Amino acid sequence: MLSSARPVLVTGATGFLGGHVIRALEAEGIPTIASGRDAVALQRLVTSGGTVRASLDELADVRRDVDAVVHCAALSTPWGRPRDVAHANVEGTRAALSFAERNGARRLVFVSSPSVYAAARDRIGLREGDVAPGKPLNDYIRSKLAAEELLRRAQREGRIAELVILRPRGLIGRGDPSLVPRLVQVHRRIGIPLFDGGRNLIDVTAVENVAFALRLALTRGDPAGGVYNISNGEPRPFRALLEQLFRRLGEEPRFRTMPRRAAWALAATCEAVCRALPGRPEPPLTRYTLSTIAFAQTLDISRAVDELGYRPAFSLDHALDGAAADVLERLGEGG
């Protein structure tokens, strides 16, 4: 039972998802504490429990009485220095756990990622146990798997009473800093790669639906480390999804047809070259990115529906409208 007197701390509150979570909880009368490093962005958030300006490293030593912790903060990237990704996503999760443990949190809700399912093949109706076997495609996936295991072990050891893990797929909507802006950049630079005619089904999620699922996870779900897929539950063909997005932007989408096998070999080569270059720059194409756009991947969300009571309230069209409006506003400002 969620205590009305004790607030919920949200890490990464100044980020895309974290900000939506703060607003969703406050709208339901659930007091929140926003945690993040950006003082200006923290000031813009309306929280009844105040804010904590701290990095994840510093968070472990903060003392604030809380009912629960929603851990949204992460370094989400298809490419990066292994130590940077591990520090943000594994050690950062360890710090959030230490905060929860030291401040008497009843439950920790962790935002993981369906990137753990990524593979070079079509995968339809993925359930929570369908983690891709073998070596992860990148360090981000490796870090999320390690963070999940760290939390499960801590829950088994009694360090945190309750744990729930969510894996939300492809967040889009107002404030999207990554997915849609990256697609627009690639579209304008070289055109968007298209595989199998763009018929591969893609699952994405309105960010408001993920915030709603996280609110539900504060009091529902298996408290012994239950894992739940989250999406809009309305997968669409990749090409159709892009055509719908660029129609809202008033542009004709540019596609570049590519064979999967050749693209996969090219991505592997790009990764090897960039890994050897000074500064380890991000490759123009990675195997992980290909796994998300060249192959079908859809999530089975029935467990979230049955155990969390999750029902997507915001449509994919609503999310596309918000994401497109953001892009147009940035262009109007010269962005």
C-alpha atoms as a PDB file:
ATOM      1  CA  MET A   1       0.000   0.000   0.000  1.00  0.00           C
ATOM      2  CA  LEU A   2       1.466   3.359  -1.040  1.00  0.00           C
ATOM      3  CA  SER A   3       1.853   5.695   1.916  1.00  0.00           C
ATOM      4  CA  SER A   4       0.345   9.131   1.263  1.00  0.00           C
ATOM      5  CA  ALA A   5       2.675  10.672   3.837  1.00  0.00           C
ATOM      6  CA  ARG A   6       6.001   9.491   2.455  1.00  0.00           C
ATOM      7  CA  PRO A   7       7.154  10.611  -0.987  1.00  0.00           C
ATOM      8  CA  VAL A   8       8.496   8.638  -3.920  1.00  0.00           C
ATOM      9  CA  LEU A   9      11.982   9.529  -5.120  1.00  0.00           C
ATOM     10  CA  VAL A  10      12.406   9.569  -8.916  1.00  0.00           C
ATOM     11  CA  THR A  11      15.954   9.401 -10.261  1.00  0.00           C
ATOM     12  CA  GLY A  12      16.659  10.950 -13.634  1.00  0.00           C
ATOM     13  CA  ALA A  13      13.742  13.302 -12.996  1.00  0.00           C
ATOM     14  CA  THR A  14      15.092  15.928 -15.385  1.00  0.00           C
ATOM     15  CA  GLY A  15      15.154  13.434 -18.248  1.00  0.00           C
ATOM     16  CA  PHE A  16      12.491  12.580 -20.807  1.00  0.00           C
ATOM     17  CA  LEU A  17      10.830   9.744 -18.905  1.00  0.00           C
ATOM     18  CA  GLY A  18      11.612  11.005 -15.398  1.00  0.00           C
ATOM     19  CA  GLY A  19       9.830  14.299 -15.958  1.00  0.00           C
ATOM     20  CA  HIS A  20       6.714  12.512 -17.181  1.00  0.00           C
ATOM     21  CA  VAL A  21       6.824  10.209 -14.144  1.00  0.00           C
ATOM     22  CA  ILE A  22       6.973  13.183 -11.756  1.00  0.00           C
ATOM     23  CA  ARG A  23       3.959  14.790 -13.436  1.00  0.00           C
ATOM     24  CA  ALA A  24       1.990  11.530 -13.490  1.00  0.00           C
ATOM     25  CA  LEU A  25       2.561  10.837  -9.787  1.00  0.00           C
ATOM     26  CA  GLU A  26       1.842  14.388  -8.671  1.00  0.00           C
ATOM     27  CA  ALA A  27      -1.371  14.402 -10.724  1.00  0.00           C
ATOM     28  CA  GLU A  28      -2.522  11.407  -8.668  1.00  0.00           C
ATOM     29  CA  GLY A  29      -1.690  13.136  -5.388  1.00  0.00           C
ATOM     30  CA  ILE A  30       1.436  11.044  -4.800  1.00  0.00           C
ATOM     31  CA  PRO A  31       4.190  13.260  -3.334  1.00  0.00           C
ATOM     32  CA  THR A  32       7.500  13.080  -5.157  1.00  0.00           C
ATOM     33  CA  ILE A  33      11.129  14.009  -4.729  1.00  0.00           C
ATOM     34  CA  ALA A  34      12.909  14.767  -8.001  1.00  0.00           C
ATOM     35  CA  SER A  35      16.548  13.718  -8.204  1.00  0.00           C
ATOM     36  CA  GLY A  36      18.946  14.905 -10.890  1.00  0.00           C
ATOM     37  CA  ARG A  37      22.062  16.946 -11.622  1.00  0.00           C
ATOM     38  CA  ASP A  38      20.542  19.831 -13.610  1.00  0.00           C
ATOM     39  CA  ALA A  39      19.602  22.536 -11.103  1.00  0.00           C
ATOM     40  CA  VAL A  40      17.714  24.648 -13.658  1.00  0.00           C
ATOM     41  CA  ALA A  41      15.678  21.683 -14.920  1.00  0.00           C
ATOM     42  CA  LEU A  42      14.916  20.604 -11.341  1.00  0.00           C
ATOM     43  CA  GLN A  43      13.506  24.047 -10.579  1.00  0.00           C
ATOM     44  CA  ARG A  44      11.007  23.656 -13.413  1.00  0.00           C
ATOM     45  CA  LEU A  45       9.527  20.504 -11.886  1.00  0.00           C
ATOM     46  CA  VAL A  46       6.564  20.804  -9.549  1.00  0.00           C
ATOM     47  CA  THR A  47       7.163  18.389  -6.673  1.00  0.00           C
ATOM     48  CA  SER A  48       5.454  18.258  -3.288  1.00  0.00           C
ATOM     49  CA  GLY A  49       8.480  16.567  -1.692  1.00  0.00           C
ATOM     50  CA  GLY A  50      11.169  18.865  -3.075  1.00  0.00           C
ATOM     51  CA  THR A  51      14.268  18.060  -5.081  1.00  0.00           C
ATOM     52  CA  VAL A  52      17.681  16.496  -4.624  1.00  0.00           C
ATOM     53  CA  ARG A  53      20.444  17.929  -6.767  1.00  0.00           C
ATOM     54  CA  ALA A  54      22.938  15.093  -6.867  1.00  0.00           C
ATOM     55  CA  SER A  55      24.699  12.754  -9.234  1.00  0.00           C
ATOM     56  CA  LEU A  56      23.961   9.066  -8.799  1.00  0.00           C
ATOM     57  CA  ASP A  57      27.344   8.718  -7.076  1.00  0.00           C
ATOM     58  CA  GLU A  58      26.251  11.293  -4.496  1.00  0.00           C
ATOM     59  CA  LEU A  59      22.714   9.951  -4.140  1.00  0.00           C
ATOM     60  CA  ALA A  60      23.793   6.953  -2.064  1.00  0.00           C
ATOM     61  CA  ASP A  61      24.718   9.296   0.806  1.00  0.00           C
ATOM     62  CA  VAL A  62      21.565  11.461   0.692  1.00  0.00           C
ATOM     63  CA  ARG A  63      19.146  11.091   3.593  1.00  0.00           C
ATOM     64  CA  ARG A  64      15.447  11.582   2.762  1.00  0.00           C
ATOM     65  CA  ASP A  65      12.571   9.529   4.170  1.00  0.00           C
ATOM     66  CA  VAL A  66      10.816   7.844   1.220  1.00  0.00           C
ATOM     67  CA  ASP A  67       8.188   5.221   0.555  1.00  0.00           C
ATOM     68  CA  ALA A  68       9.660   4.022  -2.747  1.00  0.00           C
ATOM     69  CA  VAL A  69      12.235   4.737  -5.422  1.00  0.00           C
ATOM     70  CA  VAL A  70      11.578   4.835  -9.182  1.00  0.00           C
ATOM     71  CA  HIS A  71      14.975   4.499 -10.840  1.00  0.00           C
ATOM     72  CA  CYS A  72      14.766   6.076 -14.313  1.00  0.00           C
ATOM     73  CA  ALA A  73      18.287   7.496 -14.586  1.00  0.00           C
ATOM     74  CA  ALA A  74      20.505   5.766 -17.147  1.00  0.00           C
ATOM     75  CA  LEU A  75      23.005   6.297 -19.920  1.00  0.00           C
ATOM     76  CA  SER A  76      21.101   5.035 -22.958  1.00  0.00           C
ATOM     77  CA  THR A  77      23.318   4.767 -26.001  1.00  0.00           C
ATOM     78  CA  PRO A  78      24.013   2.291 -28.811  1.00  0.00           C
ATOM     79  CA  TRP A  79      27.697   3.112 -28.427  1.00  0.00           C
ATOM     80  CA  GLY A  80      29.928   4.391 -25.669  1.00  0.00           C
ATOM     81  CA  ARG A  81      32.957   3.680 -23.558  1.00  0.00           C
ATOM     82  CA  PRO A  82      32.302   0.453 -21.639  1.00  0.00           C
ATOM     83  CA  ARG A  83      33.435   1.975 -18.356  1.00  0.00           C
ATOM     84  CA  ASP A  84      31.131   5.002 -18.801  1.00  0.00           C
ATOM     85  CA  VAL A  85      28.108   2.838 -19.568  1.00  0.00           C
ATOM     86  CA  ALA A  86      28.837   0.445 -16.703  1.00  0.00           C
ATOM     87  CA  HIS A  87      29.404   3.307 -14.277  1.00  0.00           C
ATOM     88  CA  ALA A  88      26.118   5.025 -15.141  1.00  0.00           C
ATOM     89  CA  ASN A  89      23.909   1.954 -15.409  1.00  0.00           C
ATOM     90  CA  VAL A  90      25.408  -0.579 -13.017  1.00  0.00           C
ATOM     91  CA  GLU A  91      27.108   1.556 -10.386  1.00  0.00           C
ATOM     92  CA  GLY A  92      24.305   4.116 -10.711  1.00  0.00           C
ATOM     93  CA  THR A  93      21.776   1.397  -9.968  1.00  0.00           C
ATOM     94  CA  ARG A  94      23.882   0.277  -7.023  1.00  0.00           C
ATOM     95  CA  ALA A  95      23.736   3.852  -5.682  1.00  0.00           C
ATOM     96  CA  ALA A  96      19.948   4.010  -6.125  1.00  0.00           C
ATOM     97  CA  LEU A  97      19.690   0.706  -4.270  1.00  0.00           C
ATOM     98  CA  SER A  98      21.866   2.039  -1.430  1.00  0.00           C
ATOM     99  CA  PHE A  99      19.659   5.127  -1.195  1.00  0.00           C
ATOM    100  CA  ALA A 100      16.517   2.973  -1.049  1.00  0.00           C
ATOM    101  CA  GLU A 101      18.056   0.682   1.555  1.00  0.00           C
ATOM    102  CA  ARG A 102      19.324   3.472   3.827  1.00  0.00           C
ATOM    103  CA  ASN A 103      16.144   5.536   3.636  1.00  0.00           C
ATOM    104  CA  GLY A 104      13.647   2.781   4.399  1.00  0.00           C
ATOM    105  CA  ALA A 105      12.095   2.504   0.940  1.00  0.00           C
ATOM    106  CA  ARG A 106       9.432  -0.169   0.759  1.00  0.00           C
ATOM    107  CA  ARG A 107       9.864  -0.816  -2.971  1.00  0.00           C
ATOM    108  CA  LEU A 108      12.296  -0.087  -5.786  1.00  0.00           C
ATOM    109  CA  VAL A 109      10.898   0.127  -9.312  1.00  0.00           C
ATOM    110  CA  PHE A 110      13.613  -0.192 -11.948  1.00  0.00           C
ATOM    111  CA  VAL A 111      13.393   0.969 -15.564  1.00  0.00           C
ATOM    112  CA  SER A 112      15.298  -1.625 -17.562  1.00  0.00           C
ATOM    113  CA  SER A 113      15.173  -2.097 -21.332  1.00  0.00           C
ATOM    114  CA  PRO A 114      13.846  -4.516 -23.979  1.00  0.00           C
ATOM    115  CA  SER A 115      17.232  -4.133 -25.648  1.00  0.00           C
ATOM    116  CA  VAL A 116      17.984  -7.353 -23.757  1.00  0.00           C
ATOM    117  CA  TYR A 117      15.936  -9.139 -26.449  1.00  0.00           C
ATOM    118  CA  ALA A 118      17.964  -7.692 -29.364  1.00  0.00           C
ATOM    119  CA  ALA A 119      19.093 -10.220 -31.963  1.00  0.00           C
ATOM    120  CA  ALA A 120      19.719 -10.500 -35.691  1.00  0.00           C
ATOM    121  CA  ARG A 121      16.359 -12.102 -36.453  1.00  0.00           C
ATOM    122  CA  ASP A 122      12.648 -11.408 -36.305  1.00  0.00           C
ATOM    123  CA  ARG A 123      11.224 -11.839 -32.803  1.00  0.00           C
ATOM    124  CA  ILE A 124       7.444 -11.565 -32.421  1.00  0.00           C
ATOM    125  CA  GLY A 125       5.464 -11.605 -29.180  1.00  0.00           C
ATOM    126  CA  LEU A 126       8.500 -11.600 -26.914  1.00  0.00           C
ATOM    127  CA  ARG A 127       7.810 -12.558 -23.322  1.00  0.00           C
ATOM    128  CA  GLU A 128       9.854 -11.493 -20.337  1.00  0.00           C
ATOM    129  CA  GLY A 129      11.920 -14.686 -20.270  1.00  0.00           C
ATOM    130  CA  ASP A 130      12.994 -14.400 -23.916  1.00  0.00           C
ATOM    131  CA  VAL A 131      16.302 -12.625 -23.289  1.00  0.00           C
ATOM    132  CA  ALA A 132      18.534 -13.104 -26.326  1.00  0.00           C
ATOM    133  CA  PRO A 133      21.087 -15.890 -25.720  1.00  0.00           C
ATOM    134  CA  GLY A 134      24.771 -15.427 -26.363  1.00  0.00           C
ATOM    135  CA  LYS A 135      26.946 -12.333 -26.216  1.00  0.00           C
ATOM    136  CA  PRO A 136      25.032  -9.001 -25.919  1.00  0.00           C
ATOM    137  CA  LEU A 137      25.293  -6.731 -28.947  1.00  0.00           C
ATOM    138  CA  ASN A 138      26.600  -3.751 -26.975  1.00  0.00           C
ATOM    139  CA  ASP A 139      27.677  -2.514 -23.574  1.00  0.00           C
ATOM    140  CA  TYR A 140      24.317  -0.872 -22.881  1.00  0.00           C
ATOM    141  CA  ILE A 141      22.559  -4.258 -23.037  1.00  0.00           C
ATOM    142  CA  ARG A 142      25.278  -5.801 -20.899  1.00  0.00           C
ATOM    143  CA  SER A 143      24.848  -3.048 -18.304  1.00  0.00           C
ATOM    144  CA  LYS A 144      21.060  -3.444 -18.102  1.00  0.00           C
ATOM    145  CA  LEU A 145      21.338  -7.200 -17.605  1.00  0.00           C
ATOM    146  CA  ALA A 146      23.944  -6.646 -14.893  1.00  0.00           C
ATOM    147  CA  ALA A 147      21.792  -4.010 -13.170  1.00  0.00           C
ATOM    148  CA  GLU A 148      18.755  -6.314 -13.170  1.00  0.00           C
ATOM    149  CA  GLU A 149      20.785  -9.120 -11.621  1.00  0.00           C
ATOM    150  CA  LEU A 150      22.311  -6.788  -9.038  1.00  0.00           C
ATOM    151  CA  LEU A 151      18.814  -5.776  -7.891  1.00  0.00           C
ATOM    152  CA  ARG A 152      17.432  -9.325  -7.882  1.00  0.00           C
ATOM    153  CA  ARG A 153      20.327 -10.459  -5.716  1.00  0.00           C
ATOM    154  CA  ALA A 154      19.792  -7.544  -3.327  1.00  0.00           C
ATOM    155  CA  GLN A 155      16.084  -8.366  -3.073  1.00  0.00           C
ATOM    156  CA  ARG A 156      16.824 -12.020  -2.338  1.00  0.00           C
ATOM    157  CA  GLU A 157      19.271 -10.934   0.358  1.00  0.00           C
ATOM    158  CA  GLY A 158      16.631  -8.728   1.975  1.00  0.00           C
ATOM    159  CA  ARG A 159      18.385  -5.429   1.247  1.00  0.00           C
ATOM    160  CA  ILE A 160      15.197  -4.128  -0.391  1.00  0.00           C
ATOM    161  CA  ALA A 161      11.804  -5.536   0.558  1.00  0.00           C
ATOM    162  CA  GLU A 162      10.135  -5.242  -2.850  1.00  0.00           C
ATOM    163  CA  LEU A 163      11.414  -4.981  -6.412  1.00  0.00           C
ATOM    164  CA  VAL A 164       9.593  -4.575  -9.734  1.00  0.00           C
ATOM    165  CA  ILE A 165      11.337  -4.255 -13.123  1.00  0.00           C
ATOM    166  CA  LEU A 166       9.817  -2.696 -16.250  1.00  0.00           C
ATOM    167  CA  ARG A 167      11.143  -2.971 -19.823  1.00  0.00           C
ATOM    168  CA  PRO A 168       9.468  -0.204 -21.871  1.00  0.00           C
ATOM    169  CA  ARG A 169       9.970  -0.265 -25.641  1.00  0.00           C
ATOM    170  CA  GLY A 170      10.874   2.720 -27.827  1.00  0.00           C
ATOM    171  CA  LEU A 171       9.629   5.782 -25.921  1.00  0.00           C
ATOM    172  CA  ILE A 172       8.314   8.645 -28.048  1.00  0.00           C
ATOM    173  CA  GLY A 173       6.278  11.783 -27.464  1.00  0.00           C
ATOM    174  CA  ARG A 174       6.758  15.365 -26.302  1.00  0.00           C
ATOM    175  CA  GLY A 175      10.303  15.918 -25.119  1.00  0.00           C
ATOM    176  CA  ASP A 176      11.819  12.910 -26.935  1.00  0.00           C
ATOM    177  CA  PRO A 177      15.556  13.674 -27.051  1.00  0.00           C
ATOM    178  CA  SER A 178      16.652  10.579 -28.898  1.00  0.00           C
ATOM    179  CA  LEU A 179      14.523   8.278 -31.033  1.00  0.00           C
ATOM    180  CA  VAL A 180      12.649  10.664 -33.327  1.00  0.00           C
ATOM    181  CA  PRO A 181      15.443  13.289 -33.521  1.00  0.00           C
ATOM    182  CA  ARG A 182      17.902  10.554 -34.565  1.00  0.00           C
ATOM    183  CA  LEU A 183      15.516   9.325 -37.272  1.00  0.00           C
ATOM    184  CA  VAL A 184      15.084  12.866 -38.577  1.00  0.00           C
ATOM    185  CA  GLN A 185      18.849  13.433 -38.657  1.00  0.00           C
ATOM    186  CA  VAL A 186      19.503  10.205 -40.555  1.00  0.00           C
ATOM    187  CA  HIS A 187      16.636  10.950 -42.934  1.00  0.00           C
ATOM    188  CA  ARG A 188      18.032  14.351 -43.823  1.00  0.00           C
ATOM    189  CA  ARG A 189      21.639  13.223 -44.046  1.00  0.00           C
ATOM    190  CA  ILE A 190      21.492  10.009 -46.059  1.00  0.00           C
ATOM    191  CA  GLY A 191      17.941   8.672 -46.000  1.00  0.00           C
ATOM    192  CA  ILE A 192      16.608   5.981 -43.680  1.00  0.00           C
ATOM    193  CA  PRO A 193      17.757   2.399 -44.342  1.00  0.00           C
ATOM    194  CA  LEU A 194      14.867   0.122 -45.271  1.00  0.00           C
ATOM    195  CA  PHE A 195      14.913  -3.670 -45.063  1.00  0.00           C
ATOM    196  CA  ASP A 196      12.416  -6.215 -46.369  1.00  0.00           C
ATOM    197  CA  GLY A 197      10.393  -3.371 -47.836  1.00  0.00           C
ATOM    198  CA  GLY A 198       9.867  -1.923 -44.360  1.00  0.00           C
ATOM    199  CA  ARG A 199       7.322  -4.619 -43.516  1.00  0.00           C
ATOM    200  CA  ASN A 200       9.041  -5.544 -40.240  1.00  0.00           C
ATOM    201  CA  LEU A 201       6.758  -4.800 -37.286  1.00  0.00           C
ATOM    202  CA  ILE A 202       8.011  -2.267 -34.741  1.00  0.00           C
ATOM    203  CA  ASP A 203       6.722  -1.679 -31.208  1.00  0.00           C
ATOM    204  CA  VAL A 204       6.989   1.813 -29.708  1.00  0.00           C
ATOM    205  CA  THR A 205       5.379   3.392 -26.661  1.00  0.00           C
ATOM    206  CA  ALA A 206       3.872   6.760 -25.785  1.00  0.00           C
ATOM    207  CA  VAL A 207       5.968   8.078 -22.907  1.00  0.00           C
ATOM    208  CA  GLU A 208       2.818   8.862 -20.906  1.00  0.00           C
ATOM    209  CA  ASN A 209       1.903   5.175 -20.965  1.00  0.00           C
ATOM    210  CA  VAL A 210       5.285   4.251 -19.495  1.00  0.00           C
ATOM    211  CA  ALA A 211       4.825   6.828 -16.731  1.00  0.00           C
ATOM    212  CA  PHE A 212       1.401   5.303 -16.020  1.00  0.00           C
ATOM    213  CA  ALA A 213       2.900   1.796 -15.869  1.00  0.00           C
ATOM    214  CA  LEU A 214       5.538   2.992 -13.406  1.00  0.00           C
ATOM    215  CA  ARG A 215       2.833   4.465 -11.184  1.00  0.00           C
ATOM    216  CA  LEU A 216       1.025   1.122 -11.225  1.00  0.00           C
ATOM    217  CA  ALA A 217       4.266  -0.692 -10.401  1.00  0.00           C
ATOM    218  CA  LEU A 218       4.533   1.201  -7.109  1.00  0.00           C
ATOM    219  CA  THR A 219       1.733  -0.899  -5.619  1.00  0.00           C
ATOM    220  CA  ARG A 220       1.084  -3.766  -8.059  1.00  0.00           C
ATOM    221  CA  GLY A 221       2.998  -6.599  -9.649  1.00  0.00           C
ATOM    222  CA  ASP A 222       5.143  -9.362  -8.228  1.00  0.00           C
ATOM    223  CA  PRO A 223       7.198  -7.691  -5.459  1.00  0.00           C
ATOM    224  CA  ALA A 224       9.863 -10.399  -5.653  1.00  0.00           C
ATOM    225  CA  GLY A 225      11.523  -9.013  -8.779  1.00  0.00           C
ATOM    226  CA  GLY A 226       8.619  -9.265 -11.219  1.00  0.00           C
ATOM    227  CA  VAL A 227       9.544  -8.213 -14.774  1.00  0.00           C
ATOM    228  CA  TYR A 228       7.049  -6.567 -17.146  1.00  0.00           C
ATOM    229  CA  ASN A 229       7.179  -5.642 -20.821  1.00  0.00           C
ATOM    230  CA  ILE A 230       5.597  -2.285 -21.637  1.00  0.00           C
ATOM    231  CA  SER A 231       4.568  -1.025 -25.069  1.00  0.00           C
ATOM    232  CA  ASN A 232       1.559   0.555 -26.736  1.00  0.00           C
ATOM    233  CA  GLY A 233       0.456  -2.888 -27.856  1.00  0.00           C
ATOM    234  CA  GLU A 234      -0.094  -1.626 -31.404  1.00  0.00           C
ATOM    235  CA  PRO A 235       2.947  -2.596 -33.500  1.00  0.00           C
ATOM    236  CA  ARG A 236       3.180  -1.107 -36.982  1.00  0.00           C
ATOM    237  CA  PRO A 237       5.310  -1.823 -40.037  1.00  0.00           C
ATOM    238  CA  PHE A 238       8.512   0.211 -39.913  1.00  0.00           C
ATOM    239  CA  ARG A 239       7.857   1.939 -43.227  1.00  0.00           C
ATOM    240  CA  ALA A 240       4.273   2.833 -42.327  1.00  0.00           C
ATOM    241  CA  LEU A 241       5.417   4.240 -38.983  1.00  0.00           C
ATOM    242  CA  LEU A 242       7.974   6.476 -40.678  1.00  0.00           C
ATOM    243  CA  GLU A 243       5.521   7.618 -43.339  1.00  0.00           C
ATOM    244  CA  GLN A 244       3.094   8.608 -40.570  1.00  0.00           C
ATOM    245  CA  LEU A 245       5.822  10.547 -38.757  1.00  0.00           C
ATOM    246  CA  PHE A 246       7.116  12.436 -41.789  1.00  0.00           C
ATOM    247  CA  ARG A 247       3.599  13.214 -42.967  1.00  0.00           C
ATOM    248  CA  ARG A 248       3.205  15.129 -39.708  1.00  0.00           C
ATOM    249  CA  LEU A 249       6.471  16.930 -40.460  1.00  0.00           C
ATOM    250  CA  GLY A 250       5.262  17.855 -43.928  1.00  0.00           C
ATOM    251  CA  GLU A 251       8.082  15.937 -45.581  1.00  0.00           C
ATOM    252  CA  GLU A 252       8.391  13.062 -48.016  1.00  0.00           C
ATOM    253  CA  PRO A 253      10.391  10.263 -46.381  1.00  0.00           C
ATOM    254  CA  ARG A 254      13.643   9.250 -48.066  1.00  0.00           C
ATOM    255  CA  PHE A 255      14.484   5.565 -47.888  1.00  0.00           C
ATOM    256  CA  ARG A 256      17.597   3.620 -48.807  1.00  0.00           C
ATOM    257  CA  THR A 257      16.895  -0.025 -49.549  1.00  0.00           C
ATOM    258  CA  MET A 258      19.579  -2.309 -48.133  1.00  0.00           C
ATOM    259  CA  PRO A 259      20.043  -6.086 -47.816  1.00  0.00           C
ATOM    260  CA  ARG A 260      20.180  -7.266 -44.223  1.00  0.00           C
ATOM    261  CA  ARG A 261      23.232  -9.492 -44.528  1.00  0.00           C
ATOM    262  CA  ALA A 262      25.378  -6.841 -46.203  1.00  0.00           C
ATOM    263  CA  ALA A 263      24.237  -4.193 -43.708  1.00  0.00           C
ATOM    264  CA  TRP A 264      25.067  -6.456 -40.775  1.00  0.00           C
ATOM    265  CA  ALA A 265      28.587  -7.066 -42.123  1.00  0.00           C
ATOM    266  CA  LEU A 266      29.018  -3.329 -42.708  1.00  0.00           C
ATOM    267  CA  ALA A 267      27.885  -2.513 -39.165  1.00  0.00           C
ATOM    268  CA  ALA A 268      30.299  -5.058 -37.671  1.00  0.00           C
ATOM    269  CA  THR A 269      33.140  -3.539 -39.712  1.00  0.00           C
ATOM    270  CA  CYS A 270      32.198   0.006 -38.657  1.00  0.00           C
ATOM    271  CA  GLU A 271      32.218  -1.055 -35.015  1.00  0.00           C
ATOM    272  CA  ALA A 272      35.626  -2.706 -35.316  1.00  0.00           C
ATOM    273  CA  VAL A 273      37.144   0.358 -37.007  1.00  0.00           C
ATOM    274  CA  CYS A 274      35.648   2.858 -34.547  1.00  0.00           C
ATOM    275  CA  ARG A 275      36.677   0.734 -31.591  1.00  0.00           C
ATOM    276  CA  ALA A 276      40.285   0.991 -32.774  1.00  0.00           C
ATOM    277  CA  LEU A 277      40.224   4.729 -33.525  1.00  0.00           C
ATOM    278  CA  PRO A 278      41.381   7.341 -30.973  1.00  0.00           C
ATOM    279  CA  GLY A 279      38.433   8.568 -28.951  1.00  0.00           C
ATOM    280  CA  ARG A 280      36.345   5.548 -29.978  1.00  0.00           C
ATOM    281  CA  PRO A 281      33.846   7.589 -32.080  1.00  0.00           C
ATOM    282  CA  GLU A 282      30.304   6.293 -32.561  1.00  0.00           C
ATOM    283  CA  PRO A 283      29.985   4.277 -35.801  1.00  0.00           C
ATOM    284  CA  PRO A 284      27.571   5.519 -38.459  1.00  0.00           C
ATOM    285  CA  LEU A 285      25.856   2.130 -38.163  1.00  0.00           C
ATOM    286  CA  THR A 286      25.841  -0.414 -35.332  1.00  0.00           C
ATOM    287  CA  ARG A 287      24.564  -3.970 -35.089  1.00  0.00           C
ATOM    288  CA  TYR A 288      22.270  -2.975 -32.237  1.00  0.00           C
ATOM    289  CA  THR A 289      20.667  -0.208 -34.293  1.00  0.00           C
ATOM    290  CA  LEU A 290      20.176  -2.688 -37.124  1.00  0.00           C
ATOM    291  CA  SER A 291      18.539  -5.159 -34.772  1.00  0.00           C
ATOM    292  CA  THR A 292      15.884  -2.532 -33.987  1.00  0.00           C
ATOM    293  CA  ILE A 293      15.112  -1.349 -37.535  1.00  0.00           C
ATOM    294  CA  ALA A 294      15.973  -4.277 -39.821  1.00  0.00           C
ATOM    295  CA  PHE A 295      14.056  -7.002 -37.984  1.00  0.00           C
ATOM    296  CA  ALA A 296      10.592  -7.317 -36.529  1.00  0.00           C
ATOM    297  CA  GLN A 297      10.414  -7.104 -32.760  1.00  0.00           C
ATOM    298  CA  THR A 298       7.176  -6.954 -30.782  1.00  0.00           C
ATOM    299  CA  LEU A 299       6.507  -7.420 -27.081  1.00  0.00           C
ATOM    300  CA  ASP A 300       3.868  -9.492 -25.361  1.00  0.00           C
ATOM    301  CA  ILE A 301       2.453  -7.161 -22.689  1.00  0.00           C
ATOM    302  CA  SER A 302      -0.119  -9.598 -21.302  1.00  0.00           C
ATOM    303  CA  ARG A 303       1.740  -9.979 -17.998  1.00  0.00           C
ATOM    304  CA  ALA A 304       1.649  -6.208 -17.430  1.00  0.00           C
ATOM    305  CA  VAL A 305      -2.057  -6.180 -18.333  1.00  0.00           C
ATOM    306  CA  ASP A 306      -2.877  -9.069 -15.987  1.00  0.00           C
ATOM    307  CA  GLU A 307      -0.638  -8.260 -13.008  1.00  0.00           C
ATOM    308  CA  LEU A 308      -0.217  -4.473 -13.125  1.00  0.00           C
ATOM    309  CA  GLY A 309      -3.609  -3.628 -14.572  1.00  0.00           C
ATOM    310  CA  TYR A 310      -1.808  -1.790 -17.374  1.00  0.00           C
ATOM    311  CA  ARG A 311      -3.896  -0.446 -20.258  1.00  0.00           C
ATOM    312  CA  PRO A 312      -2.300   1.984 -22.738  1.00  0.00           C
ATOM    313  CA  ALA A 313      -4.335   5.185 -22.419  1.00  0.00           C
ATOM    314  CA  PHE A 314      -2.419   7.237 -24.999  1.00  0.00           C
ATOM    315  CA  SER A 315      -2.429   6.133 -28.627  1.00  0.00           C
ATOM    316  CA  LEU A 316       0.580   5.831 -30.881  1.00  0.00           C
ATOM    317  CA  ASP A 317      -0.899   8.611 -33.034  1.00  0.00           C
ATOM    318  CA  HIS A 318      -0.912  10.868 -29.968  1.00  0.00           C
ATOM    319  CA  ALA A 319       2.771  10.085 -29.387  1.00  0.00           C
ATOM    320  CA  LEU A 320       3.646  10.767 -33.034  1.00  0.00           C
ATOM    321  CA  ASP A 321       1.771  14.068 -32.885  1.00  0.00           C
ATOM    322  CA  GLY A 322       3.785  15.146 -29.837  1.00  0.00           C
ATOM    323  CA  ALA A 323       7.136  14.050 -31.229  1.00  0.00           C
ATOM    324  CA  ALA A 324       6.510  15.775 -34.566  1.00  0.00           C
ATOM    325  CA  ALA A 325       5.384  18.988 -32.853  1.00  0.00           C
ATOM    326  CA  ASP A 326       8.667  19.014 -30.920  1.00  0.00           C
ATOM    327  CA  VAL A 327      10.726  18.674 -34.104  1.00  0.00           C
ATOM    328  CA  LEU A 328       8.796  21.454 -35.830  1.00  0.00           C
ATOM    329  CA  GLU A 329       9.229  23.756 -32.830  1.00  0.00           C
ATOM    330  CA  ARG A 330      12.990  23.160 -32.807  1.00  0.00           C
ATOM    331  CA  LEU A 331      13.183  23.885 -36.508  1.00  0.00           C
ATOM    332  CA  GLY A 332      11.235  27.088 -35.924  1.00  0.00           C
ATOM    333  CA  GLU A 333      13.822  28.089 -33.331  1.00  0.00           C
ATOM    334  CA  GLY A 334      16.662  27.320 -35.741  1.00  0.00           C
ATOM    335  CA  GLY A 335      17.465  23.951 -34.129  1.00  0.00           C
END
